């Protein structure tokens, strides 16, 4: 009789093990007593931040969502699950865009020690932080100027101006501080989005044109320009101007830029003024 009951118990335990494995709640391993052991399920992470999951396999959600618009709920959820946002806070960077600049420079190596650099639309100062560190501005050889219509908190080694880049007095002050021309002009300027794609594209392209015009005023021979654009690129006349003024132009899309975002960047190297150049890389 005891053997018969032991047989039933063993069969019931086997059935129990197989059932739990089938639903994925337990691992394929069991402890010495025959009880199944729990395992953590970790989902694969994607580049945009939308597919990041917890050990339970569920997307993280903010605790307080009641009363918020659906668009706000989506934004908060995306921010909470975005690893680049977390990295920004952990490293004390002022903006997520700082990581984009790092990634672009890691690949294309345009930031070098002791350069003269101008950052257009510098608020809140994320790009200034990266440039100051990578170009060793604190050693006192290179110079870094940031300009924005908004107030920007001080960054060690950076000379920050509040004003409009179209103001001639601002241009004069920048050249005076640099004691000459700039080696690089950076622009992360973008117009506030309206939700209408064509309008947003035109407004950001307009800012890109202003930034490029500024760059052509202050860049030294062989200088570099990096500016924000939107997917679909700049219009024909702007691209023609870039190819005419620089030896090489290419579009960049850093991994920290969300896949669903239409933003991209234009990197132009080898400033040659009005000389013609036919090199253009997509």
C-alpha atoms as a PDB file:
ATOM      1  CA  UNK A   1       0.000   0.000   0.000  1.00  0.00           C
ATOM      2  CA  UNK A   2       2.811   2.439   0.833  1.00  0.00           C
ATOM      3  CA  UNK A   3       4.462   1.801  -2.533  1.00  0.00           C
ATOM      4  CA  UNK A   4       1.205   2.573  -4.306  1.00  0.00           C
ATOM      5  CA  UNK A   5       0.782   5.916  -2.510  1.00  0.00           C
ATOM      6  CA  UNK A   6       4.416   6.816  -3.205  1.00  0.00           C
ATOM      7  CA  UNK A   7       3.765   6.087  -6.879  1.00  0.00           C
ATOM      8  CA  UNK A   8       0.786   8.480  -6.893  1.00  0.00           C
ATOM      9  CA  UNK A   9       2.758  11.211  -5.121  1.00  0.00           C
ATOM     10  CA  UNK A  10       5.647  10.974  -7.588  1.00  0.00           C
ATOM     11  CA  UNK A  11       3.289  11.176 -10.576  1.00  0.00           C
ATOM     12  CA  UNK A  12       1.500  14.180  -9.085  1.00  0.00           C
ATOM     13  CA  UNK A  13       4.860  15.948  -8.521  1.00  0.00           C
ATOM     14  CA  UNK A  14       5.936  15.317 -12.115  1.00  0.00           C
ATOM     15  CA  UNK A  15       2.630  16.705 -13.369  1.00  0.00           C
ATOM     16  CA  UNK A  16       3.066  19.761 -11.124  1.00  0.00           C
ATOM     17  CA  UNK A  17       6.569  20.426 -12.452  1.00  0.00           C
ATOM     18  CA  UNK A  18       5.563  20.123 -16.102  1.00  0.00           C
ATOM     19  CA  UNK A  19       2.537  22.402 -15.659  1.00  0.00           C
ATOM     20  CA  UNK A  20       4.585  25.203 -14.087  1.00  0.00           C
ATOM     21  CA  UNK A  21       7.260  24.938 -16.774  1.00  0.00           C
ATOM     22  CA  UNK A  22       4.634  25.157 -19.513  1.00  0.00           C
ATOM     23  CA  UNK A  23       3.238  28.467 -18.259  1.00  0.00           C
ATOM     24  CA  UNK A  24       6.737  29.893 -17.805  1.00  0.00           C
ATOM     25  CA  UNK A  25       6.400  30.703 -14.121  1.00  0.00           C
ATOM     26  CA  UNK A  26       9.273  28.532 -12.970  1.00  0.00           C
ATOM     27  CA  UNK A  27      12.710  27.572 -14.197  1.00  0.00           C
ATOM     28  CA  UNK A  28      13.873  24.175 -15.408  1.00  0.00           C
ATOM     29  CA  UNK A  29      15.727  23.659 -12.114  1.00  0.00           C
ATOM     30  CA  UNK A  30      14.397  22.432  -8.780  1.00  0.00           C
ATOM     31  CA  UNK A  31      15.757  22.457  -5.253  1.00  0.00           C
ATOM     32  CA  UNK A  32      16.726  19.392  -3.235  1.00  0.00           C
ATOM     33  CA  UNK A  33      13.203  18.987  -1.856  1.00  0.00           C
ATOM     34  CA  UNK A  34      11.793  18.813  -5.368  1.00  0.00           C
ATOM     35  CA  UNK A  35      10.201  22.267  -5.258  1.00  0.00           C
ATOM     36  CA  UNK A  36      10.578  24.429  -8.370  1.00  0.00           C
ATOM     37  CA  UNK A  37      12.828  27.511  -8.108  1.00  0.00           C
ATOM     38  CA  UNK A  38      11.725  30.964  -9.286  1.00  0.00           C
ATOM     39  CA  UNK A  39      13.730  32.787 -11.971  1.00  0.00           C
ATOM     40  CA  UNK A  40      13.718  36.370 -13.147  1.00  0.00           C
ATOM     41  CA  UNK A  41      12.500  37.074 -16.638  1.00  0.00           C
ATOM     42  CA  UNK A  42      14.385  39.930 -18.322  1.00  0.00           C
ATOM     43  CA  UNK A  43      13.132  41.170 -21.668  1.00  0.00           C
ATOM     44  CA  UNK A  44      15.448  42.405 -24.365  1.00  0.00           C
ATOM     45  CA  UNK A  45      15.864  46.156 -24.417  1.00  0.00           C
ATOM     46  CA  UNK A  46      15.336  48.222 -27.537  1.00  0.00           C
ATOM     47  CA  UNK A  47      17.005  51.514 -28.584  1.00  0.00           C
ATOM     48  CA  UNK A  48      14.023  53.844 -28.360  1.00  0.00           C
ATOM     49  CA  UNK A  49      13.144  53.356 -24.695  1.00  0.00           C
ATOM     50  CA  UNK A  50       9.618  52.178 -25.450  1.00  0.00           C
ATOM     51  CA  UNK A  51      10.372  48.473 -25.244  1.00  0.00           C
ATOM     52  CA  UNK A  52      12.316  48.489 -21.983  1.00  0.00           C
ATOM     53  CA  UNK A  53      10.856  46.087 -19.452  1.00  0.00           C
ATOM     54  CA  UNK A  54      11.221  45.155 -15.830  1.00  0.00           C
ATOM     55  CA  UNK A  55      12.110  41.734 -14.458  1.00  0.00           C
ATOM     56  CA  UNK A  56       8.400  40.922 -14.406  1.00  0.00           C
ATOM     57  CA  UNK A  57       8.167  41.551 -18.130  1.00  0.00           C
ATOM     58  CA  UNK A  58       5.912  44.604 -17.775  1.00  0.00           C
ATOM     59  CA  UNK A  59       6.684  48.146 -18.968  1.00  0.00           C
ATOM     60  CA  UNK A  60       7.270  50.525 -16.050  1.00  0.00           C
ATOM     61  CA  UNK A  61       4.459  52.998 -15.483  1.00  0.00           C
ATOM     62  CA  UNK A  62       4.308  56.203 -13.400  1.00  0.00           C
ATOM     63  CA  UNK A  63       2.380  55.847 -10.142  1.00  0.00           C
ATOM     64  CA  UNK A  64       0.230  58.965 -10.523  1.00  0.00           C
ATOM     65  CA  UNK A  65      -1.539  58.970 -13.902  1.00  0.00           C
ATOM     66  CA  UNK A  66      -5.090  59.962 -12.957  1.00  0.00           C
ATOM     67  CA  UNK A  67      -6.187  63.284 -14.431  1.00  0.00           C
ATOM     68  CA  UNK A  68      -3.327  63.458 -16.951  1.00  0.00           C
ATOM     69  CA  UNK A  69      -3.876  63.678 -20.686  1.00  0.00           C
ATOM     70  CA  UNK A  70      -3.124  60.572 -22.736  1.00  0.00           C
ATOM     71  CA  UNK A  71      -0.201  62.319 -24.428  1.00  0.00           C
ATOM     72  CA  UNK A  72       1.256  63.205 -21.010  1.00  0.00           C
ATOM     73  CA  UNK A  73       0.839  59.615 -19.847  1.00  0.00           C
ATOM     74  CA  UNK A  74       2.706  58.346 -22.904  1.00  0.00           C
ATOM     75  CA  UNK A  75       5.509  60.888 -22.400  1.00  0.00           C
ATOM     76  CA  UNK A  76       5.922  60.031 -18.709  1.00  0.00           C
ATOM     77  CA  UNK A  77       5.958  56.302 -19.415  1.00  0.00           C
ATOM     78  CA  UNK A  78       8.528  56.751 -22.161  1.00  0.00           C
ATOM     79  CA  UNK A  79      10.753  58.888 -19.916  1.00  0.00           C
ATOM     80  CA  UNK A  80      10.550  56.371 -17.082  1.00  0.00           C
ATOM     81  CA  UNK A  81      11.609  53.505 -19.352  1.00  0.00           C
ATOM     82  CA  UNK A  82      14.276  55.366 -21.321  1.00  0.00           C
ATOM     83  CA  UNK A  83      17.790  54.273 -20.216  1.00  0.00           C
ATOM     84  CA  UNK A  84      19.371  57.429 -21.629  1.00  0.00           C
ATOM     85  CA  UNK A  85      17.178  59.566 -19.368  1.00  0.00           C
ATOM     86  CA  UNK A  86      18.331  57.504 -16.383  1.00  0.00           C
ATOM     87  CA  UNK A  87      21.940  57.834 -17.499  1.00  0.00           C
ATOM     88  CA  UNK A  88      21.533  61.598 -17.782  1.00  0.00           C
ATOM     89  CA  UNK A  89      20.409  61.857 -14.145  1.00  0.00           C
ATOM     90  CA  UNK A  90      23.039  59.429 -12.861  1.00  0.00           C
ATOM     91  CA  UNK A  91      25.890  61.338 -14.524  1.00  0.00           C
ATOM     92  CA  UNK A  92      24.638  64.781 -13.582  1.00  0.00           C
ATOM     93  CA  UNK A  93      24.145  65.871 -17.182  1.00  0.00           C
ATOM     94  CA  UNK A  94      21.665  68.664 -17.826  1.00  0.00           C
ATOM     95  CA  UNK A  95      20.020  67.160 -20.869  1.00  0.00           C
ATOM     96  CA  UNK A  96      19.548  63.887 -22.700  1.00  0.00           C
ATOM     97  CA  UNK A  97      20.978  65.633 -25.775  1.00  0.00           C
ATOM     98  CA  UNK A  98      24.413  65.583 -24.117  1.00  0.00           C
ATOM     99  CA  UNK A  99      24.558  61.816 -24.686  1.00  0.00           C
ATOM    100  CA  UNK A 100      23.699  62.322 -28.367  1.00  0.00           C
ATOM    101  CA  UNK A 101      26.679  64.659 -28.764  1.00  0.00           C
ATOM    102  CA  UNK A 102      28.927  62.129 -27.009  1.00  0.00           C
ATOM    103  CA  UNK A 103      27.797  59.340 -29.323  1.00  0.00           C
ATOM    104  CA  UNK A 104      28.341  61.420 -32.455  1.00  0.00           C
ATOM    105  CA  UNK A 105      31.805  62.470 -31.305  1.00  0.00           C
ATOM    106  CA  UNK A 106      32.734  58.909 -30.313  1.00  0.00           C
ATOM    107  CA  UNK A 107      32.153  57.862 -33.905  1.00  0.00           C
ATOM    108  CA  UNK A 108      33.336  60.892 -35.880  1.00  0.00           C
ATOM    109  CA  UNK A 109      35.989  62.411 -33.555  1.00  0.00           C
ATOM    110  CA  UNK A 110      35.323  66.097 -34.255  1.00  0.00           C
ATOM    111  CA  UNK A 111      35.921  67.356 -30.692  1.00  0.00           C
ATOM    112  CA  UNK A 112      39.604  67.754 -29.845  1.00  0.00           C
ATOM    113  CA  UNK A 113      41.510  69.423 -27.011  1.00  0.00           C
ATOM    114  CA  UNK A 114      42.102  73.167 -27.003  1.00  0.00           C
ATOM    115  CA  UNK A 115      39.636  74.109 -29.756  1.00  0.00           C
ATOM    116  CA  UNK A 116      37.627  77.338 -29.997  1.00  0.00           C
ATOM    117  CA  UNK A 117      33.961  76.332 -29.963  1.00  0.00           C
ATOM    118  CA  UNK A 118      30.613  78.113 -30.184  1.00  0.00           C
ATOM    119  CA  UNK A 119      27.426  76.385 -28.998  1.00  0.00           C
ATOM    120  CA  UNK A 120      24.245  77.959 -30.393  1.00  0.00           C
ATOM    121  CA  UNK A 121      21.056  77.410 -28.414  1.00  0.00           C
ATOM    122  CA  UNK A 122      23.122  76.131 -25.501  1.00  0.00           C
ATOM    123  CA  UNK A 123      20.419  75.981 -22.786  1.00  0.00           C
ATOM    124  CA  UNK A 124      20.209  74.103 -20.490  1.00  0.00           C
ATOM    125  CA  UNK A 125      23.934  73.428 -20.933  1.00  0.00           C
ATOM    126  CA  UNK A 126      24.229  69.700 -21.670  1.00  0.00           C
ATOM    127  CA  UNK A 127      26.374  70.161 -24.767  1.00  0.00           C
ATOM    128  CA  UNK A 128      28.546  72.714 -22.943  1.00  0.00           C
ATOM    129  CA  UNK A 129      29.283  70.098 -20.274  1.00  0.00           C
ATOM    130  CA  UNK A 130      30.457  67.542 -22.848  1.00  0.00           C
ATOM    131  CA  UNK A 131      32.526  70.025 -24.857  1.00  0.00           C
ATOM    132  CA  UNK A 132      34.202  71.498 -21.783  1.00  0.00           C
ATOM    133  CA  UNK A 133      35.335  68.036 -20.700  1.00  0.00           C
ATOM    134  CA  UNK A 134      36.389  66.612 -24.054  1.00  0.00           C
ATOM    135  CA  UNK A 135      38.153  69.746 -25.252  1.00  0.00           C
ATOM    136  CA  UNK A 136      39.860  70.348 -21.879  1.00  0.00           C
ATOM    137  CA  UNK A 137      38.626  73.911 -21.733  1.00  0.00           C
ATOM    138  CA  UNK A 138      39.601  74.134 -18.072  1.00  0.00           C
ATOM    139  CA  UNK A 139      43.285  73.994 -19.074  1.00  0.00           C
ATOM    140  CA  UNK A 140      42.902  77.509 -20.447  1.00  0.00           C
ATOM    141  CA  UNK A 141      44.032  77.006 -24.042  1.00  0.00           C
ATOM    142  CA  UNK A 142      40.783  76.482 -25.937  1.00  0.00           C
ATOM    143  CA  UNK A 143      37.719  78.711 -25.566  1.00  0.00           C
ATOM    144  CA  UNK A 144      34.046  77.814 -25.319  1.00  0.00           C
ATOM    145  CA  UNK A 145      31.151  80.220 -25.902  1.00  0.00           C
ATOM    146  CA  UNK A 146      27.485  79.374 -25.417  1.00  0.00           C
ATOM    147  CA  UNK A 147      24.576  81.558 -26.476  1.00  0.00           C
ATOM    148  CA  UNK A 148      20.832  81.245 -25.954  1.00  0.00           C
ATOM    149  CA  UNK A 149      17.737  83.387 -25.581  1.00  0.00           C
ATOM    150  CA  UNK A 150      17.143  81.634 -22.246  1.00  0.00           C
ATOM    151  CA  UNK A 151      19.143  81.860 -19.059  1.00  0.00           C
ATOM    152  CA  UNK A 152      21.748  79.099 -18.821  1.00  0.00           C
ATOM    153  CA  UNK A 153      23.356  78.031 -15.571  1.00  0.00           C
ATOM    154  CA  UNK A 154      27.126  78.477 -15.510  1.00  0.00           C
ATOM    155  CA  UNK A 155      29.386  75.687 -16.789  1.00  0.00           C
ATOM    156  CA  UNK A 156      33.025  75.608 -15.723  1.00  0.00           C
ATOM    157  CA  UNK A 157      35.231  77.055 -18.466  1.00  0.00           C
ATOM    158  CA  UNK A 158      32.352  78.282 -20.643  1.00  0.00           C
ATOM    159  CA  UNK A 159      31.529  81.904 -21.436  1.00  0.00           C
ATOM    160  CA  UNK A 160      27.727  82.057 -21.659  1.00  0.00           C
ATOM    161  CA  UNK A 161      25.806  84.848 -23.336  1.00  0.00           C
ATOM    162  CA  UNK A 162      22.083  85.566 -23.286  1.00  0.00           C
ATOM    163  CA  UNK A 163      20.879  87.037 -26.547  1.00  0.00           C
ATOM    164  CA  UNK A 164      20.033  86.583 -30.218  1.00  0.00           C
ATOM    165  CA  UNK A 165      22.665  85.242 -32.610  1.00  0.00           C
ATOM    166  CA  UNK A 166      21.341  87.682 -35.233  1.00  0.00           C
ATOM    167  CA  UNK A 167      22.414  90.590 -33.020  1.00  0.00           C
ATOM    168  CA  UNK A 168      25.635  92.114 -34.400  1.00  0.00           C
ATOM    169  CA  UNK A 169      26.788  93.079 -30.913  1.00  0.00           C
ATOM    170  CA  UNK A 170      26.587  89.405 -29.885  1.00  0.00           C
ATOM    171  CA  UNK A 171      28.684  88.403 -32.899  1.00  0.00           C
ATOM    172  CA  UNK A 172      31.236  91.057 -32.022  1.00  0.00           C
ATOM    173  CA  UNK A 173      31.426  89.889 -28.403  1.00  0.00           C
ATOM    174  CA  UNK A 174      31.889  86.260 -29.450  1.00  0.00           C
ATOM    175  CA  UNK A 175      34.745  87.076 -31.805  1.00  0.00           C
ATOM    176  CA  UNK A 176      36.330  89.239 -29.148  1.00  0.00           C
ATOM    177  CA  UNK A 177      36.185  86.445 -26.570  1.00  0.00           C
ATOM    178  CA  UNK A 178      37.532  83.842 -29.002  1.00  0.00           C
ATOM    179  CA  UNK A 179      40.338  86.232 -30.012  1.00  0.00           C
ATOM    180  CA  UNK A 180      39.822  85.104 -33.576  1.00  0.00           C
ATOM    181  CA  UNK A 181      37.672  82.558 -35.367  1.00  0.00           C
ATOM    182  CA  UNK A 182      36.021  79.356 -34.164  1.00  0.00           C
ATOM    183  CA  UNK A 183      37.122  75.810 -34.954  1.00  0.00           C
ATOM    184  CA  UNK A 184      33.610  74.387 -34.466  1.00  0.00           C
ATOM    185  CA  UNK A 185      30.087  75.781 -34.412  1.00  0.00           C
ATOM    186  CA  UNK A 186      27.486  73.532 -32.793  1.00  0.00           C
ATOM    187  CA  UNK A 187      23.733  74.023 -33.007  1.00  0.00           C
ATOM    188  CA  UNK A 188      21.081  71.948 -31.283  1.00  0.00           C
ATOM    189  CA  UNK A 189      18.466  74.633 -31.912  1.00  0.00           C
ATOM    190  CA  UNK A 190      14.959  73.471 -32.759  1.00  0.00           C
ATOM    191  CA  UNK A 191      11.676  75.331 -32.939  1.00  0.00           C
ATOM    192  CA  UNK A 192       8.885  74.334 -30.562  1.00  0.00           C
ATOM    193  CA  UNK A 193       6.879  71.629 -32.304  1.00  0.00           C
ATOM    194  CA  UNK A 194       3.310  72.314 -33.406  1.00  0.00           C
ATOM    195  CA  UNK A 195       2.284  68.748 -34.262  1.00  0.00           C
ATOM    196  CA  UNK A 196       2.111  69.659 -37.955  1.00  0.00           C
ATOM    197  CA  UNK A 197       5.087  67.878 -39.524  1.00  0.00           C
ATOM    198  CA  UNK A 198       5.604  70.178 -42.508  1.00  0.00           C
ATOM    199  CA  UNK A 199       5.407  73.314 -40.348  1.00  0.00           C
ATOM    200  CA  UNK A 200       7.835  71.870 -37.801  1.00  0.00           C
ATOM    201  CA  UNK A 201      10.224  70.862 -40.581  1.00  0.00           C
ATOM    202  CA  UNK A 202      10.203  74.335 -42.125  1.00  0.00           C
ATOM    203  CA  UNK A 203      10.715  76.096 -38.787  1.00  0.00           C
ATOM    204  CA  UNK A 204      13.652  73.898 -37.788  1.00  0.00           C
ATOM    205  CA  UNK A 205      15.181  74.202 -41.259  1.00  0.00           C
ATOM    206  CA  UNK A 206      14.932  77.981 -40.899  1.00  0.00           C
ATOM    207  CA  UNK A 207      16.899  77.804 -37.628  1.00  0.00           C
ATOM    208  CA  UNK A 208      19.459  75.559 -39.327  1.00  0.00           C
ATOM    209  CA  UNK A 209      19.925  78.188 -42.034  1.00  0.00           C
ATOM    210  CA  UNK A 210      20.462  80.896 -39.410  1.00  0.00           C
ATOM    211  CA  UNK A 211      22.997  78.695 -37.599  1.00  0.00           C
ATOM    212  CA  UNK A 212      24.847  77.956 -40.849  1.00  0.00           C
ATOM    213  CA  UNK A 213      24.975  81.635 -41.775  1.00  0.00           C
ATOM    214  CA  UNK A 214      26.426  82.355 -38.341  1.00  0.00           C
ATOM    215  CA  UNK A 215      28.978  79.550 -38.747  1.00  0.00           C
ATOM    216  CA  UNK A 216      30.180  80.923 -42.071  1.00  0.00           C
ATOM    217  CA  UNK A 217      30.834  84.239 -40.315  1.00  0.00           C
ATOM    218  CA  UNK A 218      33.006  82.873 -37.508  1.00  0.00           C
ATOM    219  CA  UNK A 219      34.593  79.604 -38.705  1.00  0.00           C
ATOM    220  CA  UNK A 220      38.269  79.404 -39.541  1.00  0.00           C
ATOM    221  CA  UNK A 221      39.561  77.479 -42.571  1.00  0.00           C
ATOM    222  CA  UNK A 222      38.981  73.755 -42.120  1.00  0.00           C
ATOM    223  CA  UNK A 223      36.323  74.427 -39.479  1.00  0.00           C
ATOM    224  CA  UNK A 224      33.414  72.161 -38.567  1.00  0.00           C
ATOM    225  CA  UNK A 225      29.660  72.715 -38.343  1.00  0.00           C
ATOM    226  CA  UNK A 226      27.161  70.413 -36.602  1.00  0.00           C
ATOM    227  CA  UNK A 227      23.487  71.361 -36.696  1.00  0.00           C
ATOM    228  CA  UNK A 228      20.119  69.779 -35.966  1.00  0.00           C
ATOM    229  CA  UNK A 229      17.875  68.976 -38.893  1.00  0.00           C
ATOM    230  CA  UNK A 230      14.698  66.937 -39.402  1.00  0.00           C
ATOM    231  CA  UNK A 231      14.239  63.664 -41.251  1.00  0.00           C
ATOM    232  CA  UNK A 232      13.979  64.326 -44.949  1.00  0.00           C
ATOM    233  CA  UNK A 233      16.974  66.618 -44.617  1.00  0.00           C
ATOM    234  CA  UNK A 234      17.515  70.218 -45.452  1.00  0.00           C
ATOM    235  CA  UNK A 235      16.089  71.696 -48.627  1.00  0.00           C
ATOM    236  CA  UNK A 236      18.042  71.767 -51.882  1.00  0.00           C
ATOM    237  CA  UNK A 237      19.366  75.313 -51.593  1.00  0.00           C
ATOM    238  CA  UNK A 238      20.680  74.720 -48.065  1.00  0.00           C
ATOM    239  CA  UNK A 239      22.407  71.501 -49.070  1.00  0.00           C
ATOM    240  CA  UNK A 240      23.927  73.264 -52.055  1.00  0.00           C
ATOM    241  CA  UNK A 241      25.307  75.943 -49.730  1.00  0.00           C
ATOM    242  CA  UNK A 242      26.736  73.312 -47.377  1.00  0.00           C
ATOM    243  CA  UNK A 243      28.439  71.475 -50.227  1.00  0.00           C
ATOM    244  CA  UNK A 244      29.762  74.754 -51.534  1.00  0.00           C
ATOM    245  CA  UNK A 245      31.242  75.818 -48.184  1.00  0.00           C
ATOM    246  CA  UNK A 246      32.480  72.479 -46.777  1.00  0.00           C
ATOM    247  CA  UNK A 247      34.522  69.608 -48.135  1.00  0.00           C
ATOM    248  CA  UNK A 248      32.311  66.889 -46.723  1.00  0.00           C
ATOM    249  CA  UNK A 249      28.735  66.729 -45.400  1.00  0.00           C
ATOM    250  CA  UNK A 250      26.865  63.806 -43.842  1.00  0.00           C
ATOM    251  CA  UNK A 251      23.697  63.033 -41.898  1.00  0.00           C
ATOM    252  CA  UNK A 252      24.041  61.568 -38.392  1.00  0.00           C
ATOM    253  CA  UNK A 253      21.491  59.717 -36.260  1.00  0.00           C
ATOM    254  CA  UNK A 254      22.878  58.837 -32.795  1.00  0.00           C
ATOM    255  CA  UNK A 255      21.323  55.863 -31.006  1.00  0.00           C
ATOM    256  CA  UNK A 256      20.227  58.137 -28.139  1.00  0.00           C
ATOM    257  CA  UNK A 257      17.907  59.839 -30.635  1.00  0.00           C
ATOM    258  CA  UNK A 258      14.656  57.890 -30.468  1.00  0.00           C
ATOM    259  CA  UNK A 259      13.856  55.763 -33.488  1.00  0.00           C
ATOM    260  CA  UNK A 260      10.421  57.331 -33.867  1.00  0.00           C
ATOM    261  CA  UNK A 261      11.883  60.861 -33.711  1.00  0.00           C
ATOM    262  CA  UNK A 262      12.297  62.781 -36.978  1.00  0.00           C
ATOM    263  CA  UNK A 263      15.387  64.600 -35.716  1.00  0.00           C
ATOM    264  CA  UNK A 264      18.757  64.083 -37.344  1.00  0.00           C
ATOM    265  CA  UNK A 265      22.014  66.040 -37.485  1.00  0.00           C
ATOM    266  CA  UNK A 266      24.114  67.467 -40.292  1.00  0.00           C
ATOM    267  CA  UNK A 267      27.894  67.287 -39.856  1.00  0.00           C
ATOM    268  CA  UNK A 268      29.909  69.458 -42.227  1.00  0.00           C
ATOM    269  CA  UNK A 269      33.710  69.321 -42.059  1.00  0.00           C
ATOM    270  CA  UNK A 270      36.479  71.214 -43.820  1.00  0.00           C
ATOM    271  CA  UNK A 271      35.180  74.768 -44.137  1.00  0.00           C
ATOM    272  CA  UNK A 272      36.434  76.244 -47.400  1.00  0.00           C
ATOM    273  CA  UNK A 273      34.398  79.432 -47.667  1.00  0.00           C
ATOM    274  CA  UNK A 274      32.905  79.923 -51.104  1.00  0.00           C
ATOM    275  CA  UNK A 275      35.057  77.289 -52.826  1.00  0.00           C
ATOM    276  CA  UNK A 276      33.158  74.542 -54.575  1.00  0.00           C
ATOM    277  CA  UNK A 277      33.088  70.986 -53.237  1.00  0.00           C
ATOM    278  CA  UNK A 278      31.164  68.036 -54.674  1.00  0.00           C
ATOM    279  CA  UNK A 279      31.458  65.536 -51.806  1.00  0.00           C
ATOM    280  CA  UNK A 280      28.215  64.599 -50.107  1.00  0.00           C
ATOM    281  CA  UNK A 281      27.513  61.444 -48.078  1.00  0.00           C
ATOM    282  CA  UNK A 282      24.004  60.266 -47.153  1.00  0.00           C
END
